[in-house]
């Protein structure tokens, strides 16, 4: 299981899943109704994509989200780490 700890890491996970399925960015975009450019921005972690867009893309790539309490590392401060 991979942890998406930032938009950039989520983008890398999505890119890897897309590549494993043999899909181009254009193919993936067509599956969920977004442009190839938007897929590219999401994969680079540079998009302000709506949550429903991310869920549609994850669904098309046969991925799911699991929510659980964050494991704190020693010395880690409160808040997000992006």
PDB file of N, CA and C in Angstrom:
ATOM      1  N   UNK A   1       0.847  -1.172   0.000  1.00  0.00           N
ATOM      2  CA  UNK A   1       0.000   0.000   0.000  1.00  0.00           C
ATOM      3  C   UNK A   1       0.894   1.238   0.000  1.00  0.00           C
ATOM      4  N   UNK A   2       0.531   2.206  -0.823  1.00  0.00           N
ATOM      5  CA  UNK A   2       1.287   3.440  -0.909  1.00  0.00           C
ATOM      6  C   UNK A   2       0.583   4.535  -0.124  1.00  0.00           C
ATOM      7  N   UNK A   3       1.365   5.441   0.454  1.00  0.00           N
ATOM      8  CA  UNK A   3       0.816   6.559   1.208  1.00  0.00           C
ATOM      9  C   UNK A   3       0.941   7.827   0.365  1.00  0.00           C
ATOM     10  N   UNK A   4      -0.175   8.501   0.157  1.00  0.00           N
ATOM     11  CA  UNK A   4      -0.169   9.782  -0.545  1.00  0.00           C
ATOM     12  C   UNK A   4      -0.056  10.882   0.498  1.00  0.00           C
ATOM     13  N   UNK A   5       1.149  11.354   0.730  1.00  0.00           N
ATOM     14  CA  UNK A   5       1.398  12.338   1.777  1.00  0.00           C
ATOM     15  C   UNK A   5       1.434  13.770   1.260  1.00  0.00           C
ATOM     16  N   UNK A   6       1.276  13.934  -0.046  1.00  0.00           N
ATOM     17  CA  UNK A   6       1.273  15.262  -0.653  1.00  0.00           C
ATOM     18  C   UNK A   6       0.653  15.147  -2.047  1.00  0.00           C
ATOM     19  N   UNK A   7       0.272  16.274  -2.642  1.00  0.00           N
ATOM     20  CA  UNK A   7      -0.252  16.218  -4.017  1.00  0.00           C
ATOM     21  C   UNK A   7       0.752  15.613  -4.997  1.00  0.00           C
ATOM     22  N   UNK A   8       2.027  15.900  -4.787  1.00  0.00           N
ATOM     23  CA  UNK A   8       3.063  15.362  -5.687  1.00  0.00           C
ATOM     24  C   UNK A   8       3.137  13.838  -5.580  1.00  0.00           C
ATOM     25  N   UNK A   9       3.101  13.315  -4.356  1.00  0.00           N
ATOM     26  CA  UNK A   9       3.152  11.859  -4.168  1.00  0.00           C
ATOM     27  C   UNK A   9       1.893  11.210  -4.737  1.00  0.00           C
ATOM     28  N   UNK A  10       0.722  11.828  -4.517  1.00  0.00           N
ATOM     29  CA  UNK A  10      -0.509  11.301  -5.103  1.00  0.00           C
ATOM     30  C   UNK A  10      -0.386  11.261  -6.618  1.00  0.00           C
ATOM     31  N   UNK A  11       0.160  12.304  -7.199  1.00  0.00           N
ATOM     32  CA  UNK A  11       0.358  12.335  -8.643  1.00  0.00           C
ATOM     33  C   UNK A  11       1.253  11.211  -9.128  1.00  0.00           C
ATOM     34  N   UNK A  12       2.315  10.929  -8.395  1.00  0.00           N
ATOM     35  CA  UNK A  12       3.221   9.840  -8.767  1.00  0.00           C
ATOM     36  C   UNK A  12       2.508   8.493  -8.693  1.00  0.00           C
ATOM     37  N   UNK A  13       1.676   8.318  -7.678  1.00  0.00           N
ATOM     38  CA  UNK A  13       0.910   7.076  -7.525  1.00  0.00           C
ATOM     39  C   UNK A  13      -0.052   6.917  -8.705  1.00  0.00           C
ATOM     40  N   UNK A  14      -0.755   7.988  -9.049  1.00  0.00           N
ATOM     41  CA  UNK A  14      -1.693   7.932 -10.174  1.00  0.00           C
ATOM     42  C   UNK A  14      -0.969   7.666 -11.490  1.00  0.00           C
ATOM     43  N   UNK A  15       0.165   8.311 -11.688  1.00  0.00           N
ATOM     44  CA  UNK A  15       0.945   8.102 -12.914  1.00  0.00           C
ATOM     45  C   UNK A  15       1.403   6.655 -13.028  1.00  0.00           C
ATOM     46  N   UNK A  16       1.878   6.094 -11.927  1.00  0.00           N
ATOM     47  CA  UNK A  16       2.326   4.706 -11.923  1.00  0.00           C
ATOM     48  C   UNK A  16       1.179   3.756 -12.258  1.00  0.00           C
ATOM     49  N   UNK A  17       0.025   3.989 -11.650  1.00  0.00           N
ATOM     50  CA  UNK A  17      -1.146   3.139 -11.908  1.00  0.00           C
ATOM     51  C   UNK A  17      -1.581   3.253 -13.369  1.00  0.00           C
ATOM     52  N   UNK A  18      -1.570   4.471 -13.903  1.00  0.00           N
ATOM     53  CA  UNK A  18      -1.956   4.680 -15.301  1.00  0.00           C
ATOM     54  C   UNK A  18      -1.002   3.953 -16.233  1.00  0.00           C
ATOM     55  N   UNK A  19       0.290   4.089 -15.971  1.00  0.00           N
ATOM     56  CA  UNK A  19       1.303   3.428 -16.806  1.00  0.00           C
ATOM     57  C   UNK A  19       1.173   1.912 -16.751  1.00  0.00           C
ATOM     58  N   UNK A  20       0.922   1.362 -15.554  1.00  0.00           N
ATOM     59  CA  UNK A  20       0.763  -0.085 -15.407  1.00  0.00           C
ATOM     60  C   UNK A  20      -0.420  -0.605 -16.204  1.00  0.00           C
ATOM     61  N   UNK A  21      -1.439   0.232 -16.396  1.00  0.00           N
ATOM     62  CA  UNK A  21      -2.607  -0.167 -17.173  1.00  0.00           C
ATOM     63  C   UNK A  21      -2.394   0.063 -18.668  1.00  0.00           C
ATOM     64  N   UNK A  22      -1.251   0.626 -19.034  1.00  0.00           N
ATOM     65  CA  UNK A  22      -0.951   0.873 -20.439  1.00  0.00           C
ATOM     66  C   UNK A  22      -1.752   2.027 -21.034  1.00  0.00           C
ATOM     67  N   UNK A  23      -2.166   2.947 -20.189  1.00  0.00           N
ATOM     68  CA  UNK A  23      -2.959   4.087 -20.658  1.00  0.00           C
ATOM     69  C   UNK A  23      -2.079   5.321 -20.831  1.00  0.00           C
ATOM     70  N   UNK A  24      -2.379   6.096 -21.854  1.00  0.00           N
ATOM     71  CA  UNK A  24      -1.741   7.398 -21.992  1.00  0.00           C
ATOM     72  C   UNK A  24      -2.503   8.393 -21.121  1.00  0.00           C
ATOM     73  N   UNK A  25      -1.927   9.564 -20.944  1.00  0.00           N
ATOM     74  CA  UNK A  25      -2.641  10.609 -20.210  1.00  0.00           C
ATOM     75  C   UNK A  25      -3.940  10.961 -20.930  1.00  0.00           C
ATOM     76  N   UNK A  26      -3.908  10.974 -22.245  1.00  0.00           N
ATOM     77  CA  UNK A  26      -5.103  11.261 -23.030  1.00  0.00           C
ATOM     78  C   UNK A  26      -6.171  10.192 -22.802  1.00  0.00           C
ATOM     79  N   UNK A  27      -5.753   8.915 -22.787  1.00  0.00           N
ATOM     80  CA  UNK A  27      -6.702   7.819 -22.522  1.00  0.00           C
ATOM     81  C   UNK A  27      -7.369   8.000 -21.161  1.00  0.00           C
ATOM     82  N   UNK A  28      -6.553   8.254 -20.147  1.00  0.00           N
ATOM     83  CA  UNK A  28      -7.075   8.405 -18.785  1.00  0.00           C
ATOM     84  C   UNK A  28      -8.021   9.595 -18.704  1.00  0.00           C
ATOM     85  N   UNK A  29      -7.646  10.686 -19.328  1.00  0.00           N
ATOM     86  CA  UNK A  29      -8.501  11.868 -19.333  1.00  0.00           C
ATOM     87  C   UNK A  29      -9.837  11.596 -20.002  1.00  0.00           C
ATOM     88  N   UNK A  30      -9.807  10.886 -21.111  1.00  0.00           N
ATOM     89  CA  UNK A  30     -11.041  10.558 -21.831  1.00  0.00           C
ATOM     90  C   UNK A  30     -11.964   9.681 -20.985  1.00  0.00           C
ATOM     91  N   UNK A  31     -11.395   8.813 -20.167  1.00  0.00           N
ATOM     92  CA  UNK A  31     -12.211   7.940 -19.315  1.00  0.00           C
ATOM     93  C   UNK A  31     -13.022   8.725 -18.288  1.00  0.00           C
ATOM     94  N   UNK A  32     -12.482   9.859 -17.854  1.00  0.00           N
ATOM     95  CA  UNK A  32     -13.141  10.613 -16.774  1.00  0.00           C
ATOM     96  C   UNK A  32     -13.608  12.006 -17.192  1.00  0.00           C
ATOM     97  N   UNK A  33     -13.432  12.355 -18.455  1.00  0.00           N
ATOM     98  CA  UNK A  33     -13.934  13.628 -18.945  1.00  0.00           C
ATOM     99  C   UNK A  33     -13.082  14.836 -18.619  1.00  0.00           C
ATOM    100  N   UNK A  34     -11.755  14.635 -18.562  1.00  0.00           N
ATOM    101  CA  UNK A  34     -10.845  15.762 -18.362  1.00  0.00           C
ATOM    102  C   UNK A  34      -9.807  15.739 -19.475  1.00  0.00           C
ATOM    103  N   UNK A  35      -9.092  16.829 -19.624  1.00  0.00           N
ATOM    104  CA  UNK A  35      -8.103  16.924 -20.688  1.00  0.00           C
ATOM    105  C   UNK A  35      -6.804  16.219 -20.320  1.00  0.00           C
ATOM    106  N   UNK A  36      -6.006  15.935 -21.341  1.00  0.00           N
ATOM    107  CA  UNK A  36      -4.681  15.362 -21.118  1.00  0.00           C
ATOM    108  C   UNK A  36      -3.849  16.325 -20.279  1.00  0.00           C
ATOM    109  N   UNK A  37      -4.004  17.627 -20.527  1.00  0.00           N
ATOM    110  CA  UNK A  37      -3.242  18.628 -19.766  1.00  0.00           C
ATOM    111  C   UNK A  37      -3.590  18.578 -18.277  1.00  0.00           C
ATOM    112  N   UNK A  38      -4.861  18.363 -17.957  1.00  0.00           N
ATOM    113  CA  UNK A  38      -5.270  18.261 -16.548  1.00  0.00           C
ATOM    114  C   UNK A  38      -4.673  17.006 -15.914  1.00  0.00           C
ATOM    115  N   UNK A  39      -4.682  15.892 -16.633  1.00  0.00           N
ATOM    116  CA  UNK A  39      -4.065  14.659 -16.115  1.00  0.00           C
ATOM    117  C   UNK A  39      -2.586  14.928 -15.834  1.00  0.00           C
ATOM    118  N   UNK A  40      -1.921  15.592 -16.747  1.00  0.00           N
ATOM    119  CA  UNK A  40      -0.508  15.915 -16.567  1.00  0.00           C
ATOM    120  C   UNK A  40      -0.286  16.762 -15.321  1.00  0.00           C
ATOM    121  N   UNK A  41      -1.119  17.789 -15.109  1.00  0.00           N
ATOM    122  CA  UNK A  41      -0.974  18.641 -13.918  1.00  0.00           C
ATOM    123  C   UNK A  41      -1.224  17.843 -12.640  1.00  0.00           C
ATOM    124  N   UNK A  42      -2.233  16.971 -12.655  1.00  0.00           N
ATOM    125  CA  UNK A  42      -2.517  16.135 -11.479  1.00  0.00           C
ATOM    126  C   UNK A  42      -1.317  15.244 -11.178  1.00  0.00           C
ATOM    127  N   UNK A  43      -0.754  14.630 -12.208  1.00  0.00           N
ATOM    128  CA  UNK A  43       0.380  13.723 -12.011  1.00  0.00           C
ATOM    129  C   UNK A  43       1.622  14.450 -11.514  1.00  0.00           C
ATOM    130  N   UNK A  44       1.754  15.721 -11.829  1.00  0.00           N
ATOM    131  CA  UNK A  44       2.891  16.515 -11.339  1.00  0.00           C
ATOM    132  C   UNK A  44       2.610  17.131  -9.971  1.00  0.00           C
ATOM    133  N   UNK A  45       1.380  16.960  -9.462  1.00  0.00           N
ATOM    134  CA  UNK A  45       1.012  17.531  -8.175  1.00  0.00           C
ATOM    135  C   UNK A  45       0.794  19.020  -8.252  1.00  0.00           C
ATOM    136  N   UNK A  46       0.496  19.529  -9.444  1.00  0.00           N
ATOM    137  CA  UNK A  46       0.359  20.967  -9.657  1.00  0.00           C
ATOM    138  C   UNK A  46      -1.080  21.393  -9.902  1.00  0.00           C
ATOM    139  N   UNK A  47      -2.030  20.523  -9.677  1.00  0.00           N
ATOM    140  CA  UNK A  47      -3.413  20.817  -9.994  1.00  0.00           C
ATOM    141  C   UNK A  47      -4.224  21.114  -8.746  1.00  0.00           C
ATOM    142  N   UNK A  48      -5.190  21.968  -8.900  1.00  0.00           N
ATOM    143  CA  UNK A  48      -6.189  22.189  -7.865  1.00  0.00           C
ATOM    144  C   UNK A  48      -7.456  21.439  -8.268  1.00  0.00           C
ATOM    145  N   UNK A  49      -7.288  20.201  -8.677  1.00  0.00           N
ATOM    146  CA  UNK A  49      -8.412  19.394  -9.156  1.00  0.00           C
ATOM    147  C   UNK A  49      -9.444  19.216  -8.052  1.00  0.00           C
ATOM    148  N   UNK A  50     -10.698  19.228  -8.460  1.00  0.00           N
ATOM    149  CA  UNK A  50     -11.778  18.979  -7.515  1.00  0.00           C
ATOM    150  C   UNK A  50     -11.696  17.541  -7.022  1.00  0.00           C
ATOM    151  N   UNK A  51     -12.162  17.333  -5.803  1.00  0.00           N
ATOM    152  CA  UNK A  51     -12.089  16.002  -5.195  1.00  0.00           C
ATOM    153  C   UNK A  51     -12.856  14.973  -6.019  1.00  0.00           C
ATOM    154  N   UNK A  52     -13.986  15.366  -6.618  1.00  0.00           N
ATOM    155  CA  UNK A  52     -14.743  14.409  -7.425  1.00  0.00           C
ATOM    156  C   UNK A  52     -13.961  14.019  -8.673  1.00  0.00           C
ATOM    157  N   UNK A  53     -13.162  14.930  -9.219  1.00  0.00           N
ATOM    158  CA  UNK A  53     -12.320  14.600 -10.375  1.00  0.00           C
ATOM    159  C   UNK A  53     -11.264  13.580  -9.970  1.00  0.00           C
ATOM    160  N   UNK A  54     -10.647  13.788  -8.816  1.00  0.00           N
ATOM    161  CA  UNK A  54      -9.644  12.830  -8.344  1.00  0.00           C
ATOM    162  C   UNK A  54     -10.265  11.461  -8.096  1.00  0.00           C
ATOM    163  N   UNK A  55     -11.467  11.431  -7.519  1.00  0.00           N
ATOM    164  CA  UNK A  55     -12.128  10.151  -7.273  1.00  0.00           C
ATOM    165  C   UNK A  55     -12.484   9.450  -8.586  1.00  0.00           C
ATOM    166  N   UNK A  56     -12.940  10.214  -9.595  1.00  0.00           N
ATOM    167  CA  UNK A  56     -13.242   9.591 -10.891  1.00  0.00           C
ATOM    168  C   UNK A  56     -11.979   9.015 -11.521  1.00  0.00           C
ATOM    169  N   UNK A  57     -10.875   9.752 -11.421  1.00  0.00           N
ATOM    170  CA  UNK A  57      -9.614   9.275 -11.982  1.00  0.00           C
ATOM    171  C   UNK A  57      -9.134   8.034 -11.233  1.00  0.00           C
ATOM    172  N   UNK A  58      -9.207   8.055  -9.917  1.00  0.00           N
ATOM    173  CA  UNK A  58      -8.804   6.881  -9.134  1.00  0.00           C
ATOM    174  C   UNK A  58      -9.671   5.678  -9.471  1.00  0.00           C
ATOM    175  N   UNK A  59     -10.952   5.891  -9.627  1.00  0.00           N
ATOM    176  CA  UNK A  59     -11.863   4.804  -9.981  1.00  0.00           C
ATOM    177  C   UNK A  59     -11.500   4.216 -11.344  1.00  0.00           C
ATOM    178  N   UNK A  60     -11.210   5.086 -12.298  1.00  0.00           N
ATOM    179  CA  UNK A  60     -10.834   4.614 -13.637  1.00  0.00           C
ATOM    180  C   UNK A  60      -9.544   3.803 -13.596  1.00  0.00           C
ATOM    181  N   UNK A  61      -8.679   4.121 -12.646  1.00  0.00           N
ATOM    182  CA  UNK A  61      -7.405   3.403 -12.502  1.00  0.00           C
ATOM    183  C   UNK A  61      -7.499   2.256 -11.497  1.00  0.00           C
ATOM    184  N   UNK A  62      -8.729   1.985 -11.045  1.00  0.00           N
ATOM    185  CA  UNK A  62      -9.008   0.908 -10.091  1.00  0.00           C
ATOM    186  C   UNK A  62      -8.226   1.069  -8.793  1.00  0.00           C
ATOM    187  N   UNK A  63      -8.233   2.296  -8.270  1.00  0.00           N
ATOM    188  CA  UNK A  63      -7.604   2.621  -6.994  1.00  0.00           C
ATOM    189  C   UNK A  63      -8.690   3.023  -6.012  1.00  0.00           C
ATOM    190  N   UNK A  64      -8.390   2.925  -4.732  1.00  0.00           N
ATOM    191  CA  UNK A  64      -9.323   3.357  -3.708  1.00  0.00           C
ATOM    192  C   UNK A  64      -8.582   4.143  -2.642  1.00  0.00           C
ATOM    193  N   UNK A  65      -9.343   4.899  -1.889  1.00  0.00           N
ATOM    194  CA  UNK A  65      -8.787   5.705  -0.807  1.00  0.00           C
ATOM    195  C   UNK A  65      -9.143   5.055   0.516  1.00  0.00           C
ATOM    196  N   UNK A  66      -8.180   4.974   1.400  1.00  0.00           N
ATOM    197  CA  UNK A  66      -8.409   4.501   2.756  1.00  0.00           C
ATOM    198  C   UNK A  66      -8.019   5.630   3.700  1.00  0.00           C
ATOM    199  N   UNK A  67      -8.918   5.965   4.603  1.00  0.00           N
ATOM    200  CA  UNK A  67      -8.644   7.024   5.574  1.00  0.00           C
ATOM    201  C   UNK A  67      -8.349   6.373   6.918  1.00  0.00           C
ATOM    202  N   UNK A  68      -7.236   6.756   7.512  1.00  0.00           N
ATOM    203  CA  UNK A  68      -6.866   6.238   8.820  1.00  0.00           C
ATOM    204  C   UNK A  68      -6.055   7.290   9.549  1.00  0.00           C
ATOM    205  N   UNK A  69      -5.952   7.186  10.851  1.00  0.00           N
ATOM    206  CA  UNK A  69      -5.144   8.151  11.602  1.00  0.00           C
ATOM    207  C   UNK A  69      -3.694   8.123  11.120  1.00  0.00           C
ATOM    208  N   UNK A  70      -3.110   9.286  11.064  1.00  0.00           N
ATOM    209  CA  UNK A  70      -1.730   9.423  10.617  1.00  0.00           C
ATOM    210  C   UNK A  70      -0.785   8.913  11.700  1.00  0.00           C
ATOM    211  N   UNK A  71       0.221   8.171  11.276  1.00  0.00           N
ATOM    212  CA  UNK A  71       1.245   7.706  12.196  1.00  0.00           C
ATOM    213  C   UNK A  71       2.286   8.806  12.335  1.00  0.00           C
ATOM    214  N   UNK A  72       2.501   9.260  13.556  1.00  0.00           N
ATOM    215  CA  UNK A  72       3.479  10.310  13.799  1.00  0.00           C
ATOM    216  C   UNK A  72       4.880   9.737  13.865  1.00  0.00           C
ATOM    217  N   UNK A  73       5.784  10.430  13.197  1.00  0.00           N
ATOM    218  CA  UNK A  73       7.193  10.068  13.292  1.00  0.00           C
ATOM    219  C   UNK A  73       7.789  10.827  14.470  1.00  0.00           C
ATOM    220  N   UNK A  74       8.842  10.341  15.015  1.00  0.00           N
ATOM    221  CA  UNK A  74       9.496  10.998  16.134  1.00  0.00           C
ATOM    222  C   UNK A  74       9.912  12.412  15.735  1.00  0.00           C
ATOM    223  N   UNK A  75       9.517  13.378  16.536  1.00  0.00           N
ATOM    224  CA  UNK A  75       9.892  14.757  16.282  1.00  0.00           C
ATOM    225  C   UNK A  75       9.021  15.481  15.278  1.00  0.00           C
ATOM    226  N   UNK A  76       8.007  14.828  14.747  1.00  0.00           N
ATOM    227  CA  UNK A  76       7.137  15.450  13.746  1.00  0.00           C
ATOM    228  C   UNK A  76       6.161  16.394  14.432  1.00  0.00           C
ATOM    229  N   UNK A  77       5.989  17.574  13.879  1.00  0.00           N
ATOM    230  CA  UNK A  77       5.068  18.542  14.463  1.00  0.00           C
ATOM    231  C   UNK A  77       3.646  18.297  13.961  1.00  0.00           C
ATOM    232  N   UNK A  78       2.691  18.971  14.610  1.00  0.00           N
ATOM    233  CA  UNK A  78       1.299  18.857  14.214  1.00  0.00           C
ATOM    234  C   UNK A  78       1.092  19.471  12.839  1.00  0.00           C
ATOM    235  N   UNK A  79       0.013  19.092  12.167  1.00  0.00           N
ATOM    236  CA  UNK A  79      -0.340  19.674  10.875  1.00  0.00           C
ATOM    237  C   UNK A  79       0.102  18.781   9.728  1.00  0.00           C
ATOM    238  N   UNK A  80      -0.183  19.249   8.515  1.00  0.00           N
ATOM    239  CA  UNK A  80       0.182  18.433   7.359  1.00  0.00           C
ATOM    240  C   UNK A  80       1.653  18.615   7.040  1.00  0.00           C
ATOM    241  N   UNK A  81       2.159  17.740   6.183  1.00  0.00           N
ATOM    242  CA  UNK A  81       3.589  17.811   5.846  1.00  0.00           C
ATOM    243  C   UNK A  81       3.796  18.064   4.357  1.00  0.00           C
ATOM    244  N   UNK A  82       2.886  18.773   3.732  1.00  0.00           N
ATOM    245  CA  UNK A  82       3.076  19.096   2.326  1.00  0.00           C
ATOM    246  C   UNK A  82       3.629  20.449   2.235  1.00  0.00           C
TER     247      UNK A  82
END
